[in-house]
Amino acid sequence: MFTGLVQGLGTLQSLGVDKLSITCLPDTSGLILQDLAIGDSVSVDGVCLTVVELLPQGFMADASPETRDRSSLGQEDSTLVNLETSLKVGSKLGGHFVTGHVDGIGHLQESVQTATSWEMTFTTNQEQVARYIIPKGSIAVNGISLTIADCDAAGTWFTVAVIPHTYAETNLNYLRSGSIVNLEGDILGKYVEKFLRHGMSSGESVKPLTPESLTPAFLSEHGYA
């Protein structure tokens, strides 16, 4: 489990069909490698990978066919990737719960600098990604926790506002129009969808929620004290 708050950058290189070598940049290595051990999880551009070997300035990880099919990892060598070690119990949760289980990929459409942020628009034609894109919802782009500012009803495009610090400290500032990115929808939305779909398939009547239906009695009945 991760927070979507990137700790630094590294370079990625493919070694064969199932091995990845990640080298931390000099100003990143202390944060990532300080307590890293074999078997630990690291988010690499939003993909949860398991450390199988420690290197002087990085680590090695295995990449399954599923990982390569769903993500951008291994498609280009020597690319800069965002790195984050796994969330520790008691640590601050400044972003949102990010599992590192990428839903699919998208592409940068445009990046526009404003007075206070960078407005970045991404597109995706993958339904397993688009279904979780909603206004003001959370999304992980290359492992970065971001809030969706605007999107279309189908979820095929969305815009996020990226503050200068995040833009400067992640690989977002290296993206160009058409660049591929890894996308992960909010895990909470996935469970809500699952419960609703199960109720519908079992013949239960699922009524849409309205402001009027969210009464104290309704909330208490569903576990909100």
C-alpha atoms as a PDB file:
ATOM      1  CA  MET A   1       0.000   0.000   0.000  1.00  0.00           C
ATOM      2  CA  PHE A   2       1.246   3.494  -0.892  1.00  0.00           C
ATOM      3  CA  THR A   3       0.103   7.100  -0.505  1.00  0.00           C
ATOM      4  CA  GLY A   4       0.855   8.485  -3.961  1.00  0.00           C
ATOM      5  CA  LEU A   5       3.413  10.942  -2.536  1.00  0.00           C
ATOM      6  CA  VAL A   6       6.529  10.339  -4.628  1.00  0.00           C
ATOM      7  CA  GLN A   7       9.835  10.290  -2.727  1.00  0.00           C
ATOM      8  CA  GLY A   8      12.168  10.638  -5.684  1.00  0.00           C
ATOM      9  CA  LEU A   9      13.190   9.566  -9.156  1.00  0.00           C
ATOM     10  CA  GLY A  10      15.156   6.718 -10.657  1.00  0.00           C
ATOM     11  CA  THR A  11      16.005   5.215 -14.031  1.00  0.00           C
ATOM     12  CA  LEU A  12      14.562   1.932 -15.235  1.00  0.00           C
ATOM     13  CA  GLN A  13      16.182  -0.641 -17.470  1.00  0.00           C
ATOM     14  CA  SER A  14      14.839  -3.977 -18.703  1.00  0.00           C
ATOM     15  CA  LEU A  15      17.028  -7.056 -18.288  1.00  0.00           C
ATOM     16  CA  GLY A  16      15.447  -9.824 -20.311  1.00  0.00           C
ATOM     17  CA  VAL A  17      11.716 -10.436 -20.387  1.00  0.00           C
ATOM     18  CA  ASP A  18      11.042 -10.522 -16.654  1.00  0.00           C
ATOM     19  CA  LYS A  19      13.728  -8.504 -14.857  1.00  0.00           C
ATOM     20  CA  LEU A  20      13.864  -4.772 -14.193  1.00  0.00           C
ATOM     21  CA  SER A  21      16.796  -2.812 -12.822  1.00  0.00           C
ATOM     22  CA  ILE A  22      15.986   0.457 -11.046  1.00  0.00           C
ATOM     23  CA  THR A  23      18.772   2.915 -10.246  1.00  0.00           C
ATOM     24  CA  CYS A  24      17.981   5.738  -7.849  1.00  0.00           C
ATOM     25  CA  LEU A  25      19.155   9.228  -8.684  1.00  0.00           C
ATOM     26  CA  PRO A  26      21.789  10.541  -6.222  1.00  0.00           C
ATOM     27  CA  ASP A  27      19.378  12.794  -4.307  1.00  0.00           C
ATOM     28  CA  THR A  28      16.843   9.960  -4.095  1.00  0.00           C
ATOM     29  CA  SER A  29      18.940   6.989  -3.003  1.00  0.00           C
ATOM     30  CA  GLY A  30      18.998   7.922   0.691  1.00  0.00           C
ATOM     31  CA  LEU A  31      15.220   8.063   0.932  1.00  0.00           C
ATOM     32  CA  ILE A  32      14.555   4.859  -0.992  1.00  0.00           C
ATOM     33  CA  LEU A  33      17.491   2.634   0.002  1.00  0.00           C
ATOM     34  CA  GLN A  34      17.892   3.537   3.671  1.00  0.00           C
ATOM     35  CA  ASP A  35      15.821   0.663   5.079  1.00  0.00           C
ATOM     36  CA  LEU A  36      15.120  -1.262   1.878  1.00  0.00           C
ATOM     37  CA  ALA A  37      15.319  -5.035   2.122  1.00  0.00           C
ATOM     38  CA  ILE A  38      14.729  -7.995  -0.159  1.00  0.00           C
ATOM     39  CA  GLY A  39      10.995  -8.717  -0.279  1.00  0.00           C
ATOM     40  CA  ASP A  40       9.965  -5.080   0.270  1.00  0.00           C
ATOM     41  CA  SER A  41       7.472  -3.374  -2.020  1.00  0.00           C
ATOM     42  CA  VAL A  42       8.317  -0.248  -4.004  1.00  0.00           C
ATOM     43  CA  SER A  43       6.020   1.749  -6.254  1.00  0.00           C
ATOM     44  CA  VAL A  44       7.769   2.272  -9.587  1.00  0.00           C
ATOM     45  CA  ASP A  45       5.768   4.715 -11.705  1.00  0.00           C
ATOM     46  CA  GLY A  46       2.709   3.544  -9.817  1.00  0.00           C
ATOM     47  CA  VAL A  47       3.374  -0.192 -10.185  1.00  0.00           C
ATOM     48  CA  CYS A  48       3.968  -2.203  -7.021  1.00  0.00           C
ATOM     49  CA  LEU A  49       7.157  -4.235  -7.471  1.00  0.00           C
ATOM     50  CA  THR A  50       8.912  -6.590  -5.057  1.00  0.00           C
ATOM     51  CA  VAL A  51      12.624  -6.133  -4.416  1.00  0.00           C
ATOM     52  CA  VAL A  52      14.478  -9.348  -5.312  1.00  0.00           C
ATOM     53  CA  GLU A  53      18.048  -8.027  -5.195  1.00  0.00           C
ATOM     54  CA  LEU A  54      19.727  -4.962  -3.713  1.00  0.00           C
ATOM     55  CA  LEU A  55      22.174  -2.974  -5.814  1.00  0.00           C
ATOM     56  CA  PRO A  56      24.674  -0.289  -4.691  1.00  0.00           C
ATOM     57  CA  GLN A  57      22.410   2.488  -5.981  1.00  0.00           C
ATOM     58  CA  GLY A  58      19.137   0.688  -6.557  1.00  0.00           C
ATOM     59  CA  PHE A  59      17.422  -2.661  -6.718  1.00  0.00           C
ATOM     60  CA  MET A  60      16.209  -5.428  -9.009  1.00  0.00           C
ATOM     61  CA  ALA A  61      12.579  -6.512  -9.382  1.00  0.00           C
ATOM     62  CA  ASP A  62      10.644  -9.135 -11.321  1.00  0.00           C
ATOM     63  CA  ALA A  63       8.020  -8.084 -13.861  1.00  0.00           C
ATOM     64  CA  SER A  64       5.240 -10.552 -14.647  1.00  0.00           C
ATOM     65  CA  PRO A  65       3.524 -10.682 -18.066  1.00  0.00           C
ATOM     66  CA  GLU A  66       0.443  -9.100 -16.454  1.00  0.00           C
ATOM     67  CA  THR A  67       2.547  -6.169 -15.213  1.00  0.00           C
ATOM     68  CA  ARG A  68       4.070  -5.592 -18.634  1.00  0.00           C
ATOM     69  CA  ASP A  69       0.715  -5.887 -20.393  1.00  0.00           C
ATOM     70  CA  ARG A  70      -1.083  -3.404 -18.128  1.00  0.00           C
ATOM     71  CA  SER A  71       1.647  -0.823 -17.604  1.00  0.00           C
ATOM     72  CA  SER A  72       4.381   1.135 -19.306  1.00  0.00           C
ATOM     73  CA  LEU A  73       7.206  -0.608 -17.439  1.00  0.00           C
ATOM     74  CA  GLY A  74       9.824  -2.053 -19.701  1.00  0.00           C
ATOM     75  CA  GLN A  75       8.525  -0.371 -22.857  1.00  0.00           C
ATOM     76  CA  GLU A  76      11.367   2.135 -22.883  1.00  0.00           C
ATOM     77  CA  ASP A  77      14.797   1.815 -21.265  1.00  0.00           C
ATOM     78  CA  SER A  78      16.560   4.514 -19.241  1.00  0.00           C
ATOM     79  CA  THR A  79      13.298   6.335 -18.613  1.00  0.00           C
ATOM     80  CA  LEU A  80      12.832   8.338 -15.424  1.00  0.00           C
ATOM     81  CA  VAL A  81      10.369   6.697 -13.031  1.00  0.00           C
ATOM     82  CA  ASN A  82       8.712   7.877  -9.821  1.00  0.00           C
ATOM     83  CA  LEU A  83       9.643   5.935  -6.688  1.00  0.00           C
ATOM     84  CA  GLU A  84       7.851   5.488  -3.356  1.00  0.00           C
ATOM     85  CA  THR A  85       8.452   2.923  -0.636  1.00  0.00           C
ATOM     86  CA  SER A  86       5.465   1.210   0.959  1.00  0.00           C
ATOM     87  CA  LEU A  87       3.349   2.899   3.629  1.00  0.00           C
ATOM     88  CA  LYS A  88       4.344   2.090   7.199  1.00  0.00           C
ATOM     89  CA  VAL A  89       1.787   1.742   9.990  1.00  0.00           C
ATOM     90  CA  GLY A  90       1.525   5.075  11.784  1.00  0.00           C
ATOM     91  CA  SER A  91       2.903   7.084   8.877  1.00  0.00           C
ATOM     92  CA  LYS A  92       1.098  10.165   7.602  1.00  0.00           C
ATOM     93  CA  LEU A  93      -1.333   9.583   4.746  1.00  0.00           C
ATOM     94  CA  GLY A  94      -1.041  12.782   2.734  1.00  0.00           C
ATOM     95  CA  GLY A  95      -2.387  11.481  -0.586  1.00  0.00           C
ATOM     96  CA  HIS A  96      -4.885   8.617  -0.920  1.00  0.00           C
ATOM     97  CA  PHE A  97      -4.681   4.839  -0.663  1.00  0.00           C
ATOM     98  CA  VAL A  98      -2.747   3.641  -3.723  1.00  0.00           C
ATOM     99  CA  THR A  99      -2.345  -0.119  -4.142  1.00  0.00           C
ATOM    100  CA  GLY A 100       0.186  -0.137  -6.954  1.00  0.00           C
ATOM    101  CA  HIS A 101      -2.127  -2.398  -8.962  1.00  0.00           C
ATOM    102  CA  VAL A 102      -2.370  -0.347 -12.135  1.00  0.00           C
ATOM    103  CA  ASP A 103      -5.678  -0.522 -14.012  1.00  0.00           C
ATOM    104  CA  GLY A 104      -4.182   0.448 -17.364  1.00  0.00           C
ATOM    105  CA  ILE A 105      -2.497   3.186 -19.318  1.00  0.00           C
ATOM    106  CA  GLY A 106      -3.308   6.629 -20.669  1.00  0.00           C
ATOM    107  CA  HIS A 107      -1.558   9.378 -22.578  1.00  0.00           C
ATOM    108  CA  LEU A 108      -0.801  13.022 -21.938  1.00  0.00           C
ATOM    109  CA  GLN A 109      -2.841  15.213 -24.244  1.00  0.00           C
ATOM    110  CA  GLU A 110      -1.548  18.618 -23.167  1.00  0.00           C
ATOM    111  CA  SER A 111       0.140  20.413 -20.293  1.00  0.00           C
ATOM    112  CA  VAL A 112      -0.556  24.110 -19.765  1.00  0.00           C
ATOM    113  CA  GLN A 113       1.201  26.290 -17.201  1.00  0.00           C
ATOM    114  CA  THR A 114      -1.013  28.698 -15.279  1.00  0.00           C
ATOM    115  CA  ALA A 115      -0.216  31.283 -12.614  1.00  0.00           C
ATOM    116  CA  THR A 116      -0.537  28.721  -9.797  1.00  0.00           C
ATOM    117  CA  SER A 117      -0.232  25.248 -11.314  1.00  0.00           C
ATOM    118  CA  TRP A 118       0.173  23.049 -14.356  1.00  0.00           C
ATOM    119  CA  GLU A 119      -3.120  21.933 -15.873  1.00  0.00           C
ATOM    120  CA  MET A 120      -2.532  18.517 -17.416  1.00  0.00           C
ATOM    121  CA  THR A 121      -5.064  16.648 -19.537  1.00  0.00           C
ATOM    122  CA  PHE A 122      -4.822  12.890 -20.030  1.00  0.00           C
ATOM    123  CA  THR A 123      -6.775  10.519 -22.249  1.00  0.00           C
ATOM    124  CA  THR A 124      -7.468   6.795 -22.091  1.00  0.00           C
ATOM    125  CA  ASN A 125      -9.352   4.406 -24.348  1.00  0.00           C
ATOM    126  CA  GLN A 126      -9.337   1.588 -21.809  1.00  0.00           C
ATOM    127  CA  GLU A 127     -12.719   0.955 -20.212  1.00  0.00           C
ATOM    128  CA  GLN A 128     -11.196  -0.619 -17.094  1.00  0.00           C
ATOM    129  CA  VAL A 129      -9.571   2.759 -16.411  1.00  0.00           C
ATOM    130  CA  ALA A 130     -12.281   5.155 -17.627  1.00  0.00           C
ATOM    131  CA  ARG A 131     -15.012   3.667 -15.415  1.00  0.00           C
ATOM    132  CA  TYR A 132     -13.304   5.001 -12.252  1.00  0.00           C
ATOM    133  CA  ILE A 133     -12.717   8.554 -13.488  1.00  0.00           C
ATOM    134  CA  ILE A 134     -15.169  10.961 -11.844  1.00  0.00           C
ATOM    135  CA  PRO A 135     -15.088  14.704 -11.056  1.00  0.00           C
ATOM    136  CA  LYS A 136     -13.200  15.425  -7.808  1.00  0.00           C
ATOM    137  CA  GLY A 137     -12.245  11.781  -7.535  1.00  0.00           C
ATOM    138  CA  SER A 138      -8.754  10.518  -6.729  1.00  0.00           C
ATOM    139  CA  ILE A 139      -6.469   8.993  -9.325  1.00  0.00           C
ATOM    140  CA  ALA A 140      -2.841   7.883  -9.388  1.00  0.00           C
ATOM    141  CA  VAL A 141      -0.901   9.001 -12.474  1.00  0.00           C
ATOM    142  CA  ASN A 142       2.508   7.299 -12.608  1.00  0.00           C
ATOM    143  CA  GLY A 143       2.009   6.669  -8.902  1.00  0.00           C
ATOM    144  CA  ILE A 144       1.239  10.313  -8.055  1.00  0.00           C
ATOM    145  CA  SER A 145      -1.882  11.002  -6.007  1.00  0.00           C
ATOM    146  CA  LEU A 146      -3.932  13.603  -7.891  1.00  0.00           C
ATOM    147  CA  THR A 147      -7.480  14.967  -7.806  1.00  0.00           C
ATOM    148  CA  ILE A 148      -9.541  15.012 -10.989  1.00  0.00           C
ATOM    149  CA  ALA A 149     -10.579  18.601 -11.723  1.00  0.00           C
ATOM    150  CA  ASP A 150     -12.681  17.854 -14.803  1.00  0.00           C
ATOM    151  CA  CYS A 151     -13.557  14.920 -17.043  1.00  0.00           C
ATOM    152  CA  ASP A 152     -16.084  13.756 -19.568  1.00  0.00           C
ATOM    153  CA  ALA A 153     -18.993  11.503 -18.604  1.00  0.00           C
ATOM    154  CA  ALA A 154     -17.369   8.432 -20.158  1.00  0.00           C
ATOM    155  CA  GLY A 155     -14.036   9.016 -18.406  1.00  0.00           C
ATOM    156  CA  THR A 156     -12.059   8.975 -21.658  1.00  0.00           C
ATOM    157  CA  TRP A 157     -10.308  12.219 -20.723  1.00  0.00           C
ATOM    158  CA  PHE A 158      -9.620  14.059 -17.480  1.00  0.00           C
ATOM    159  CA  THR A 159      -7.755  17.127 -16.266  1.00  0.00           C
ATOM    160  CA  VAL A 160      -5.718  17.573 -13.088  1.00  0.00           C
ATOM    161  CA  ALA A 161      -4.128  20.665 -11.554  1.00  0.00           C
ATOM    162  CA  VAL A 162      -0.541  19.919 -10.498  1.00  0.00           C
ATOM    163  CA  ILE A 163       1.145  22.241  -8.007  1.00  0.00           C
ATOM    164  CA  PRO A 164       4.680  23.435  -8.910  1.00  0.00           C
ATOM    165  CA  HIS A 165       6.344  21.294  -6.209  1.00  0.00           C
ATOM    166  CA  THR A 166       4.789  18.061  -7.487  1.00  0.00           C
ATOM    167  CA  TYR A 167       5.515  19.008 -11.086  1.00  0.00           C
ATOM    168  CA  ALA A 168       9.177  19.729 -10.341  1.00  0.00           C
ATOM    169  CA  GLU A 169       9.845  16.704  -8.092  1.00  0.00           C
ATOM    170  CA  THR A 170       8.250  13.988 -10.264  1.00  0.00           C
ATOM    171  CA  ASN A 171       8.561  12.821 -13.842  1.00  0.00           C
ATOM    172  CA  LEU A 172       5.462  14.784 -14.868  1.00  0.00           C
ATOM    173  CA  ASN A 173       7.703  17.611 -16.041  1.00  0.00           C
ATOM    174  CA  TYR A 174       9.430  15.229 -18.471  1.00  0.00           C
ATOM    175  CA  LEU A 175       6.202  14.168 -20.178  1.00  0.00           C
ATOM    176  CA  ARG A 176       5.384  15.408 -23.656  1.00  0.00           C
ATOM    177  CA  SER A 177       2.179  15.244 -25.675  1.00  0.00           C
ATOM    178  CA  GLY A 178       1.513  11.558 -26.358  1.00  0.00           C
ATOM    179  CA  SER A 179       3.657  10.282 -23.463  1.00  0.00           C
ATOM    180  CA  ILE A 180       2.313   7.100 -21.886  1.00  0.00           C
ATOM    181  CA  VAL A 181       1.333   7.049 -18.189  1.00  0.00           C
ATOM    182  CA  ASN A 182       0.152   4.399 -15.733  1.00  0.00           C
ATOM    183  CA  LEU A 183      -3.293   4.979 -14.227  1.00  0.00           C
ATOM    184  CA  GLU A 184      -4.907   3.538 -11.097  1.00  0.00           C
ATOM    185  CA  GLY A 185      -8.422   4.416  -9.977  1.00  0.00           C
ATOM    186  CA  ASP A 186      -9.490   4.877  -6.362  1.00  0.00           C
ATOM    187  CA  ILE A 187      -9.693   1.512  -4.580  1.00  0.00           C
ATOM    188  CA  LEU A 188     -12.766   2.671  -2.609  1.00  0.00           C
ATOM    189  CA  GLY A 189     -14.682   3.259  -5.834  1.00  0.00           C
ATOM    190  CA  LYS A 190     -13.876  -0.260  -6.995  1.00  0.00           C
ATOM    191  CA  TYR A 191     -15.372  -1.840  -3.881  1.00  0.00           C
ATOM    192  CA  VAL A 192     -18.493   0.326  -4.098  1.00  0.00           C
ATOM    193  CA  GLU A 193     -18.926  -0.760  -7.713  1.00  0.00           C
ATOM    194  CA  LYS A 194     -18.462  -4.407  -6.721  1.00  0.00           C
ATOM    195  CA  PHE A 195     -21.088  -4.249  -3.988  1.00  0.00           C
ATOM    196  CA  LEU A 196     -23.608  -2.509  -6.226  1.00  0.00           C
ATOM    197  CA  ARG A 197     -23.021  -4.926  -9.098  1.00  0.00           C
ATOM    198  CA  HIS A 198     -23.399  -7.914  -6.754  1.00  0.00           C
ATOM    199  CA  GLY A 199     -26.673  -6.525  -5.420  1.00  0.00           C
ATOM    200  CA  MET A 200     -28.039  -6.000  -8.914  1.00  0.00           C
ATOM    201  CA  SER A 201     -26.982  -9.433 -10.167  1.00  0.00           C
ATOM    202  CA  SER A 202     -28.591 -11.139  -7.160  1.00  0.00           C
ATOM    203  CA  GLY A 203     -31.922  -9.484  -7.853  1.00  0.00           C
ATOM    204  CA  GLU A 204     -31.777  -6.935  -5.060  1.00  0.00           C
ATOM    205  CA  SER A 205     -33.307  -3.549  -5.709  1.00  0.00           C
ATOM    206  CA  VAL A 206     -30.590  -0.865  -5.550  1.00  0.00           C
ATOM    207  CA  LYS A 207     -32.079   2.592  -5.364  1.00  0.00           C
ATOM    208  CA  PRO A 208     -29.972   5.602  -6.353  1.00  0.00           C
ATOM    209  CA  LEU A 209     -28.927   7.790  -3.423  1.00  0.00           C
ATOM    210  CA  THR A 210     -30.272  11.303  -3.231  1.00  0.00           C
ATOM    211  CA  PRO A 211     -29.601  14.069  -0.677  1.00  0.00           C
ATOM    212  CA  GLU A 212     -33.055  13.389   0.764  1.00  0.00           C
ATOM    213  CA  SER A 213     -32.322   9.701   1.312  1.00  0.00           C
ATOM    214  CA  LEU A 214     -29.156  10.348   3.363  1.00  0.00           C
ATOM    215  CA  THR A 215     -30.982  10.603   6.669  1.00  0.00           C
ATOM    216  CA  PRO A 216     -29.466   9.891  10.118  1.00  0.00           C
ATOM    217  CA  ALA A 217     -31.439   6.651  10.194  1.00  0.00           C
ATOM    218  CA  PHE A 218     -30.040   5.546   6.815  1.00  0.00           C
ATOM    219  CA  LEU A 219     -26.450   6.313   7.876  1.00  0.00           C
ATOM    220  CA  SER A 220     -26.861   4.501  11.190  1.00  0.00           C
ATOM    221  CA  GLU A 221     -28.311   1.456   9.417  1.00  0.00           C
ATOM    222  CA  HIS A 222     -25.279   1.275   7.140  1.00  0.00           C
ATOM    223  CA  GLY A 223     -22.626   1.549   9.825  1.00  0.00           C
ATOM    224  CA  TYR A 224     -22.123   5.287  10.231  1.00  0.00           C
ATOM    225  CA  ALA A 225     -22.525   6.025  13.933  1.00  0.00           C
END
